[in-house]
């Protein structure tokens, strides 16, 4: 299974957690080598009444922010899997889901106990409108 296919499978869980109001945040981490880009943090944001995703790029010396539709965010993020990130972690109120590449670039998706007890307030406010 390619990175694109497996990440799509993973991102389907992101979309499900957004729809059911359990999404807390999404983080891309564990870079390959010493890169300028350290992490990408993804959080929901409401812009002009539309739920979108804020992608915060954490560089060694600065941060940059982009805002995309939920679908477009997936297309942007998949480009960073394996270049430079080796993992993505979905934090929900029900479980944490980790997408990980090993040294041989084999993909594993594992579920663990939830880290966050509360979903994103922005998401909950949006869903309760």
Protein backbone atom coordinates (compact mmCIF):
# COMPACT_ATOMS: atom_id res chain seq x y z
CA UNK A 1 0.00 0.00 0.00
CA UNK A 2 1.42 3.41 -0.96
CA UNK A 3 1.87 6.32 1.45
CA UNK A 4 -1.00 8.11 -0.28
CA UNK A 5 -3.39 5.17 0.14
CA UNK A 6 -2.44 4.46 3.74
CA UNK A 7 -2.53 8.14 4.70
CA UNK A 8 -5.99 8.44 3.10
CA UNK A 9 -7.12 5.56 5.32
CA UNK A 10 -5.65 7.38 8.34
CA UNK A 11 -7.15 10.74 7.32
CA UNK A 12 -10.61 9.12 7.03
CA UNK A 13 -10.38 8.68 10.80
CA UNK A 14 -9.52 12.39 11.11
CA UNK A 15 -12.66 13.29 9.16
CA UNK A 16 -14.77 10.89 11.22
CA UNK A 17 -13.52 12.41 14.49
CA UNK A 18 -14.34 15.89 13.18
CA UNK A 19 -17.85 14.80 12.17
CA UNK A 20 -18.58 13.15 15.51
CA UNK A 21 -17.06 15.96 17.60
CA UNK A 22 -14.20 13.99 19.18
CA UNK A 23 -11.27 15.61 17.30
CA UNK A 24 -8.72 17.32 19.57
CA UNK A 25 -5.74 17.87 17.23
CA UNK A 26 -3.46 16.31 14.62
CA UNK A 27 0.33 16.50 14.69
CA UNK A 28 2.96 15.49 12.14
CA UNK A 29 6.27 14.75 13.86
CA UNK A 30 9.49 12.72 13.88
CA UNK A 31 11.43 14.14 10.99
CA UNK A 32 14.04 12.33 8.93
CA UNK A 33 17.41 13.87 9.73
CA UNK A 34 17.99 17.45 10.80
CA UNK A 35 15.37 19.49 8.96
CA UNK A 36 14.29 23.09 9.26
CA UNK A 37 10.62 22.02 9.54
CA UNK A 38 10.10 20.45 12.97
CA UNK A 39 6.32 19.80 13.23
CA UNK A 40 2.99 20.54 11.62
CA UNK A 41 0.10 21.11 14.03
CA UNK A 42 -3.43 20.85 12.64
CA UNK A 43 -6.46 22.33 14.37
CA UNK A 44 -9.98 23.20 13.26
CA UNK A 45 -10.82 26.85 12.63
CA UNK A 46 -14.00 28.56 11.49
CA UNK A 47 -13.56 31.06 8.68
CA UNK A 48 -16.61 32.91 7.32
CA UNK A 49 -18.88 30.31 8.91
CA UNK A 50 -17.07 27.37 7.29
CA UNK A 51 -15.14 24.76 9.25
CA UNK A 52 -11.57 24.55 7.94
CA UNK A 53 -8.19 23.30 9.11
CA UNK A 54 -5.35 25.51 10.34
CA UNK A 55 -1.93 24.06 9.53
CA UNK A 56 0.77 25.57 11.72
CA UNK A 57 4.25 24.84 10.40
CA UNK A 58 6.80 24.91 13.23
CA UNK A 59 10.26 25.66 11.87
CA UNK A 60 13.43 25.94 13.95
CA UNK A 61 13.30 29.75 13.87
CA UNK A 62 9.70 30.64 12.98
CA UNK A 63 6.12 29.52 12.50
CA UNK A 64 3.90 29.81 9.43
CA UNK A 65 0.15 29.27 9.24
CA UNK A 66 -2.01 28.12 6.34
CA UNK A 67 -5.76 27.59 6.31
CA UNK A 68 -7.33 24.93 4.07
CA UNK A 69 -10.61 23.10 3.64
CA UNK A 70 -10.71 19.75 5.39
CA UNK A 71 -10.23 17.89 2.06
CA UNK A 72 -7.45 20.19 0.84
CA UNK A 73 -5.62 19.77 4.18
CA UNK A 74 -5.30 16.05 3.46
CA UNK A 75 -3.76 16.75 0.05
CA UNK A 76 -1.27 19.16 1.60
CA UNK A 77 -0.33 16.91 4.53
CA UNK A 78 0.22 13.74 2.50
CA UNK A 79 3.10 15.52 0.74
CA UNK A 80 4.97 15.68 4.06
CA UNK A 81 4.68 11.98 4.88
CA UNK A 82 8.11 10.39 4.39
CA UNK A 83 9.47 13.83 3.49
CA UNK A 84 10.35 14.81 6.18
CA UNK A 85 7.85 13.28 8.67
CA UNK A 86 7.79 9.68 9.82
CA UNK A 87 4.63 9.90 11.92
CA UNK A 88 1.27 11.58 12.31
CA UNK A 89 -0.79 11.40 15.49
CA UNK A 90 -4.53 11.97 15.62
CA UNK A 91 -5.67 12.95 19.11
CA UNK A 92 -9.35 12.38 19.85
CA UNK A 93 -11.35 12.17 23.06
CA UNK A 94 -11.88 8.44 22.47
CA UNK A 95 -8.41 7.27 21.33
CA UNK A 96 -5.11 8.37 19.83
CA UNK A 97 -4.29 7.02 16.39
CA UNK A 98 -0.64 6.91 15.27
CA UNK A 99 0.41 6.64 11.64
CA UNK A 100 4.06 5.61 11.57
CA UNK A 101 6.70 4.75 8.98
CA UNK A 102 9.61 2.56 10.05
CA UNK A 103 13.14 2.65 8.60
CA UNK A 104 12.07 0.36 5.76
CA UNK A 105 9.13 2.72 5.09
CA UNK A 106 6.55 0.15 6.13
CA UNK A 107 3.38 1.80 7.43
CA UNK A 108 1.71 0.93 10.72
CA UNK A 109 -1.43 2.50 12.13
CA UNK A 110 -1.94 1.86 15.84
CA UNK A 111 -4.58 2.92 18.31
CA UNK A 112 -3.82 3.80 21.93
CA UNK A 113 -5.53 5.32 24.94
CA UNK A 114 -6.70 8.90 24.50
CA UNK A 115 -4.41 11.72 25.66
CA UNK A 116 -7.07 14.44 25.55
CA UNK A 117 -10.30 14.46 27.52
CA UNK A 118 -11.83 17.34 25.61
CA UNK A 119 -12.38 17.89 21.91
CA UNK A 120 -11.40 21.12 20.19
CA UNK A 121 -13.57 23.95 21.52
CA UNK A 122 -13.69 25.53 18.06
CA UNK A 123 -15.06 22.26 16.65
CA UNK A 124 -17.61 21.82 19.43
CA UNK A 125 -18.84 25.42 19.07
CA UNK A 126 -19.17 24.93 15.32
CA UNK A 127 -21.07 21.65 15.66
CA UNK A 128 -23.42 23.12 18.30
CA UNK A 129 -24.51 26.04 16.12
